[in-house]
N, C-alpha and C. Protein backbone atom coordinates (compact mmCIF):
# COMPACT_ATOMS: atom_id res chain seq x y z
N MET A 1 19.03 11.34 109.47
CA MET A 1 20.38 11.68 109.20
C MET A 1 21.23 10.84 110.72
N ALA A 2 20.20 10.44 111.54
CA ALA A 2 21.21 9.54 112.72
C ALA A 2 21.09 8.23 111.60
N LYS A 3 20.42 7.88 111.27
CA LYS A 3 20.18 6.27 110.65
C LYS A 3 21.49 6.10 109.50
N ASP A 4 21.99 7.30 108.90
CA ASP A 4 22.41 7.22 107.71
C ASP A 4 23.96 6.88 108.73
N MET A 5 23.99 7.79 109.63
CA MET A 5 25.75 7.72 110.38
C MET A 5 25.69 6.60 110.83
N ILE A 6 24.56 5.73 111.56
CA ILE A 6 24.62 4.39 111.90
C ILE A 6 25.42 3.59 110.56
N GLU A 7 24.36 3.42 109.84
CA GLU A 7 25.12 2.55 108.71
C GLU A 7 26.53 2.89 108.11
N VAL A 8 27.20 4.43 108.00
CA VAL A 8 28.29 4.21 107.93
C VAL A 8 29.31 3.96 108.72
N ILE A 9 28.85 3.88 110.30
CA ILE A 9 29.53 3.41 111.50
C ILE A 9 29.65 2.16 111.17
N ALA A 10 28.48 1.47 110.95
CA ALA A 10 28.58 -0.41 110.91
C ALA A 10 29.39 -0.72 109.66
N LYS A 11 29.14 0.08 108.75
CA LYS A 11 29.97 -0.43 107.37
C LYS A 11 31.58 -0.27 107.83
N VAL A 12 32.03 1.06 108.51
CA VAL A 12 33.00 1.15 108.81
C VAL A 12 33.89 0.06 109.70
N LEU A 13 33.13 -0.79 110.27
CA LEU A 13 33.37 -1.37 111.15
C LEU A 13 33.39 -2.89 111.31
N VAL A 14 32.59 -3.08 109.95
CA VAL A 14 32.69 -4.41 109.12
C VAL A 14 34.25 -4.30 108.64
N ILE A 15 34.47 -3.09 107.68
CA ILE A 15 35.37 -3.37 107.02
C ILE A 15 36.47 -3.47 107.80
N ILE A 16 37.13 -2.73 109.03
CA ILE A 16 37.87 -3.21 110.00
C ILE A 16 37.71 -4.59 110.41
N GLY A 17 36.96 -4.61 111.21
CA GLY A 17 36.80 -6.55 110.91
C GLY A 17 37.19 -7.78 109.89
N GLY A 18 36.87 -6.93 109.13
CA GLY A 18 37.67 -8.13 107.74
C GLY A 18 39.16 -7.98 107.57
N LEU A 19 39.43 -6.82 107.65
CA LEU A 19 40.93 -6.41 107.93
C LEU A 19 41.84 -7.24 108.82
N ASN A 20 40.89 -6.94 109.55
CA ASN A 20 42.07 -8.00 110.88
C ASN A 20 41.60 -9.32 110.90
N TRP A 21 40.78 -10.02 110.02
CA TRP A 21 40.51 -11.32 109.92
C TRP A 21 41.24 -11.57 108.65
N GLY A 22 41.57 -10.67 108.33
CA GLY A 22 42.26 -10.68 106.78
C GLY A 22 44.00 -11.07 107.28
N LEU A 23 44.08 -10.02 108.42
CA LEU A 23 45.55 -10.22 108.71
C LEU A 23 45.98 -11.39 109.43
N THR A 24 45.06 -11.75 109.98
CA THR A 24 45.26 -12.80 111.17
C THR A 24 45.65 -14.17 110.05
N ALA A 25 45.33 -14.21 109.09
CA ALA A 25 45.92 -15.59 108.26
C ALA A 25 47.85 -15.16 108.27
N PHE A 26 48.29 -13.78 108.26
CA PHE A 26 49.82 -13.43 108.55
C PHE A 26 50.24 -13.39 109.94
N GLY A 27 49.76 -13.95 110.78
CA GLY A 27 49.67 -13.62 112.00
C GLY A 27 50.08 -12.57 112.69
N TYR A 28 48.88 -11.41 112.36
CA TYR A 28 48.63 -10.43 112.59
C TYR A 28 47.51 -10.27 113.37
N ASN A 29 46.99 -9.64 114.51
CA ASN A 29 45.58 -9.40 115.03
C ASN A 29 45.89 -8.16 115.84
N ILE A 30 45.49 -7.17 114.50
CA ILE A 30 45.77 -5.66 115.31
C ILE A 30 44.91 -5.35 116.80
N VAL A 31 43.47 -5.67 116.51
CA VAL A 31 42.81 -5.90 117.92
C VAL A 31 43.06 -6.43 119.29
N ASN A 32 43.55 -7.20 119.29
CA ASN A 32 44.78 -7.95 119.97
C ASN A 32 45.95 -7.50 120.48
N MET A 33 46.75 -6.54 119.64
CA MET A 33 48.05 -5.97 119.55
C MET A 33 47.57 -4.70 120.51
N LEU A 34 46.32 -4.07 119.47
CA LEU A 34 45.78 -2.82 120.65
C LEU A 34 45.45 -2.85 121.64
N LEU A 35 44.70 -3.87 122.17
CA LEU A 35 43.98 -4.16 123.43
C LEU A 35 44.18 -5.37 123.74
N GLY A 36 44.85 -6.18 123.88
CA GLY A 36 45.04 -7.45 124.07
C GLY A 36 45.70 -7.22 125.91
N SER A 37 45.98 -6.23 126.20
CA SER A 37 46.16 -6.05 127.61
C SER A 37 44.84 -5.92 128.57
N VAL A 38 43.99 -5.65 127.82
CA VAL A 38 42.63 -5.34 128.38
C VAL A 38 41.19 -6.00 127.61
N PRO A 39 41.08 -7.13 128.30
CA PRO A 39 40.51 -8.06 127.20
C PRO A 39 39.11 -8.30 127.54
N VAL A 40 38.52 -7.12 128.66
CA VAL A 40 37.10 -6.83 128.37
C VAL A 40 37.20 -5.73 127.33
N ALA A 41 37.79 -4.74 127.05
CA ALA A 41 37.71 -3.71 125.69
C ALA A 41 38.32 -4.65 124.39
N GLU A 42 39.04 -5.69 124.39
CA GLU A 42 38.81 -6.38 122.97
C GLU A 42 37.86 -7.11 122.91
N GLN A 43 37.11 -7.82 124.12
CA GLN A 43 36.12 -8.51 123.40
C GLN A 43 34.96 -7.49 122.86
N ALA A 44 34.85 -6.73 123.90
CA ALA A 44 34.08 -5.55 123.60
C ALA A 44 33.80 -4.86 121.80
N VAL A 45 35.08 -4.76 121.74
CA VAL A 45 35.40 -4.82 119.68
C VAL A 45 34.74 -5.74 119.27
N TYR A 46 35.42 -6.41 119.64
CA TYR A 46 34.53 -7.98 119.21
C TYR A 46 33.19 -7.96 118.50
N VAL A 47 32.22 -7.73 119.90
CA VAL A 47 31.13 -7.86 119.95
C VAL A 47 30.30 -6.79 119.23
N ILE A 48 30.99 -5.91 118.77
CA ILE A 48 30.73 -4.48 118.06
C ILE A 48 30.72 -4.82 116.89
N VAL A 49 31.51 -5.15 116.74
CA VAL A 49 32.13 -5.38 115.20
C VAL A 49 30.75 -6.74 114.58
N GLY A 50 31.08 -7.48 115.31
CA GLY A 50 29.88 -8.71 115.28
C GLY A 50 28.49 -8.16 115.21
N LEU A 51 28.10 -7.37 115.76
CA LEU A 51 26.78 -6.89 115.87
C LEU A 51 26.31 -5.56 114.65
N SER A 52 27.93 -5.12 114.31
CA SER A 52 27.87 -4.13 113.27
C SER A 52 27.47 -5.36 111.77
N ALA A 53 27.97 -6.46 111.62
CA ALA A 53 28.09 -6.86 110.66
C ALA A 53 26.61 -7.83 110.70
N LEU A 54 25.96 -7.72 111.43
CA LEU A 54 24.71 -8.69 111.38
C LEU A 54 23.76 -6.93 111.17
N TYR A 55 24.05 -6.18 111.40
CA TYR A 55 23.23 -5.14 110.85
C TYR A 55 23.50 -4.84 109.39
N VAL A 56 24.31 -4.90 108.90
CA VAL A 56 24.71 -4.68 107.60
C VAL A 56 23.74 -6.13 106.92
N ALA A 57 24.18 -6.73 107.44
CA ALA A 57 23.59 -7.92 106.59
C ALA A 57 22.01 -8.03 106.32
N TYR A 58 21.60 -7.72 107.59
CA TYR A 58 20.12 -7.37 107.88
C TYR A 58 19.61 -6.57 107.07
N LYS A 59 20.26 -4.84 106.33
CA LYS A 59 20.14 -4.20 105.90
C LYS A 59 20.03 -4.66 104.72
N MET A 60 21.22 -5.61 104.00
CA MET A 60 21.31 -5.96 102.89
C MET A 60 20.04 -7.23 102.68
N VAL A 61 19.68 -7.63 103.44
CA VAL A 61 18.33 -8.69 102.54
C VAL A 61 17.04 -8.13 102.76
N MET A 62 17.22 -6.63 103.57
CA MET A 62 15.68 -6.17 103.72
C MET A 62 15.54 -5.05 102.54
N GLU A 63 16.65 -4.86 102.28
CA GLU A 63 16.64 -4.15 100.84
C GLU A 63 15.95 -4.90 99.41
N LYS A 64 16.10 -5.82 99.29
CA LYS A 64 15.65 -6.82 98.23
C LYS A 64 13.75 -6.95 97.94
């Protein structure tokens, strides 16, 4: 049960990260807009999203 929840959270964070990357092409960085005044929080979000991407990639490779 908890493992399924971790996978869902990781996938949601990867989607959010992908959307943020896509929006940067149009000059918008949602994470920076929301947390730019707190650089440590902004950096933490980037680290968490990056770790989520690594987790999702690992799960994809290990399922084959």
